[in-house]
Amino acid sequence: MDAFVLDWTMVALSSVVAFLAIGGMFATSRLLSSRRRSEAKLTTYECGIPATEYSWSNISLRFYIFAIMFLIFDVEAVFLFPWAVVFLEQNALGNPVPFYAMMMFLGVLFFALIYAWRKGVLEWQK
């Protein structure tokens, strides 16, 4: 029972410290930030595109698909680094399973890239 209470005491203490740290950062930001209001400061700014008079603008779906493709292949890179560590450890033991699992993963991503290329997703201008 003592270990249970100690564990939850540590969780509660960590939560209190986290909330105090976050609150302190918000308070410091509020104290140090400027509060001058101007019309230019209140306008919407989106990635260098100037604000228009109307709120609805026509944005190409190509940007969205390109961003999704970037995320897919960025996540692939995130999985490759831990796999390399596991592969080096398991390869010393003669276990080929991590290698074949990663080859299947890379194969699926390769076919996804070929599919996107054939569909014209990677072509910026048509």
Protein backbone atom coordinates (compact mmCIF):
# COMPACT_ATOMS: atom_id res chain seq x y z
CA MET A 1 0.00 0.00 0.00
CA ASP A 2 2.88 2.38 0.72
CA ALA A 3 4.27 2.00 -2.80
CA PHE A 4 0.84 2.81 -4.24
CA VAL A 5 0.53 6.00 -2.19
CA LEU A 6 4.12 6.99 -2.99
CA ASP A 7 3.56 6.50 -6.73
CA TRP A 8 0.40 8.60 -6.77
CA THR A 9 2.01 11.25 -4.57
CA MET A 10 4.76 11.58 -7.16
CA VAL A 11 2.18 11.86 -9.95
CA ALA A 12 0.31 14.57 -8.02
CA LEU A 13 3.53 16.43 -7.23
CA SER A 14 4.62 16.28 -10.88
CA SER A 15 1.22 17.59 -11.97
CA VAL A 16 1.39 20.50 -9.52
CA VAL A 17 4.92 21.39 -10.66
CA ALA A 18 3.83 21.20 -14.32
CA PHE A 19 0.80 23.44 -13.76
CA LEU A 20 2.91 25.94 -11.81
CA ALA A 21 5.54 26.00 -14.54
CA ILE A 22 2.94 26.50 -17.28
CA GLY A 23 1.17 29.19 -15.25
CA GLY A 24 4.49 30.92 -14.60
CA MET A 25 5.31 30.93 -18.31
CA PHE A 26 1.91 32.39 -19.17
CA ALA A 27 2.24 35.04 -16.46
CA THR A 28 5.75 35.99 -17.58
CA SER A 29 4.59 36.22 -21.19
CA ARG A 30 1.69 38.43 -20.14
CA LEU A 31 3.95 40.73 -18.11
CA LEU A 32 6.65 41.08 -20.78
CA SER A 33 4.52 41.34 -23.92
CA SER A 34 3.55 44.65 -25.50
CA ARG A 35 -0.09 45.63 -25.48
CA ARG A 36 -0.22 48.26 -28.22
CA ARG A 37 -3.17 47.65 -30.48
CA SER A 38 -3.09 48.53 -34.15
CA GLU A 39 -5.10 47.63 -37.21
CA ALA A 40 -2.16 45.84 -38.81
CA LYS A 41 -1.59 43.79 -35.67
CA LEU A 42 -5.18 42.54 -35.60
CA THR A 43 -5.26 41.33 -39.22
CA THR A 44 -5.09 37.64 -40.06
CA TYR A 45 -1.73 36.45 -41.36
CA GLU A 46 -1.41 33.08 -43.08
CA CYS A 47 1.98 32.04 -44.45
CA GLY A 48 2.70 35.25 -46.33
CA ILE A 49 -0.65 35.39 -48.10
CA PRO A 50 -2.13 38.88 -47.62
CA ALA A 51 -5.59 39.08 -46.07
CA THR A 52 -8.46 39.56 -48.49
CA GLU A 53 -11.73 41.41 -48.10
CA TYR A 54 -13.79 38.22 -47.97
CA SER A 55 -13.17 35.32 -45.66
CA TRP A 56 -13.60 32.55 -48.25
CA SER A 57 -10.62 32.05 -50.52
CA ASN A 58 -9.95 29.35 -53.05
CA ILE A 59 -6.96 27.25 -51.97
CA SER A 60 -5.84 24.38 -54.14
CA LEU A 61 -6.28 20.87 -52.79
CA ARG A 62 -2.78 20.15 -54.08
CA PHE A 63 -1.29 21.94 -51.05
CA TYR A 64 -3.18 19.66 -48.68
CA ILE A 65 -2.19 16.47 -50.50
CA PHE A 66 1.42 17.57 -50.71
CA ALA A 67 1.42 18.26 -46.94
CA ILE A 68 -0.05 14.82 -46.23
CA MET A 69 2.63 13.21 -48.41
CA PHE A 70 5.29 15.11 -46.48
CA LEU A 71 3.87 13.89 -43.16
CA ILE A 72 3.78 10.29 -44.36
CA PHE A 73 7.42 10.30 -45.37
CA ASP A 74 8.45 12.33 -42.34
CA VAL A 75 6.88 9.71 -40.07
CA GLU A 76 8.78 7.09 -42.04
CA ALA A 77 12.04 8.78 -41.04
CA VAL A 78 10.93 8.78 -37.40
CA PHE A 79 10.46 5.00 -37.54
CA LEU A 80 13.78 4.36 -39.28
CA PHE A 81 16.02 5.60 -36.46
CA PRO A 82 14.68 3.38 -33.64
CA TRP A 83 14.56 0.49 -36.09
CA ALA A 84 18.28 0.93 -36.82
CA VAL A 85 19.07 0.61 -33.11
CA VAL A 86 16.90 -2.50 -32.72
CA PHE A 87 18.32 -3.97 -35.92
CA LEU A 88 21.90 -3.58 -34.73
CA GLU A 89 21.04 -5.25 -31.41
CA GLN A 90 19.02 -8.07 -32.96
CA ASN A 91 21.42 -8.63 -35.84
CA ALA A 92 24.16 -9.48 -33.35
CA LEU A 93 21.92 -12.34 -32.20
CA GLY A 94 21.25 -13.51 -35.76
CA ASN A 95 17.54 -12.57 -35.77
CA PRO A 96 16.45 -11.58 -39.33
CA VAL A 97 12.87 -10.57 -38.36
CA PRO A 98 13.53 -6.81 -37.87
CA PHE A 99 15.16 -6.60 -41.31
CA TYR A 100 12.24 -8.23 -43.11
CA ALA A 101 9.70 -6.18 -41.16
CA MET A 102 11.41 -2.94 -42.19
CA MET A 103 11.68 -4.09 -45.80
CA MET A 104 7.91 -4.67 -45.81
CA PHE A 105 7.35 -1.22 -44.30
CA LEU A 106 9.63 0.44 -46.85
CA GLY A 107 7.99 -1.55 -49.64
CA VAL A 108 4.55 -0.24 -48.73
CA LEU A 109 5.91 3.31 -48.60
CA PHE A 110 7.66 2.81 -51.93
CA PHE A 111 4.41 1.69 -53.56
CA ALA A 112 2.62 4.67 -51.97
CA LEU A 113 5.24 6.98 -53.49
CA ILE A 114 4.88 5.36 -56.92
CA TYR A 115 1.08 5.63 -56.66
CA ALA A 116 1.28 9.33 -55.74
CA TRP A 117 3.76 9.95 -58.54
CA ARG A 118 1.51 8.27 -61.13
CA LYS A 119 -1.52 10.22 -59.89
CA GLY A 120 0.41 13.47 -60.37
CA VAL A 121 0.48 14.49 -56.71
CA LEU A 122 4.17 15.32 -56.85
CA GLU A 123 3.82 17.59 -59.88
CA TRP A 124 3.55 21.15 -58.62
CA GLN A 125 2.33 22.80 -61.85
CA LYS A 126 0.06 21.14 -64.37
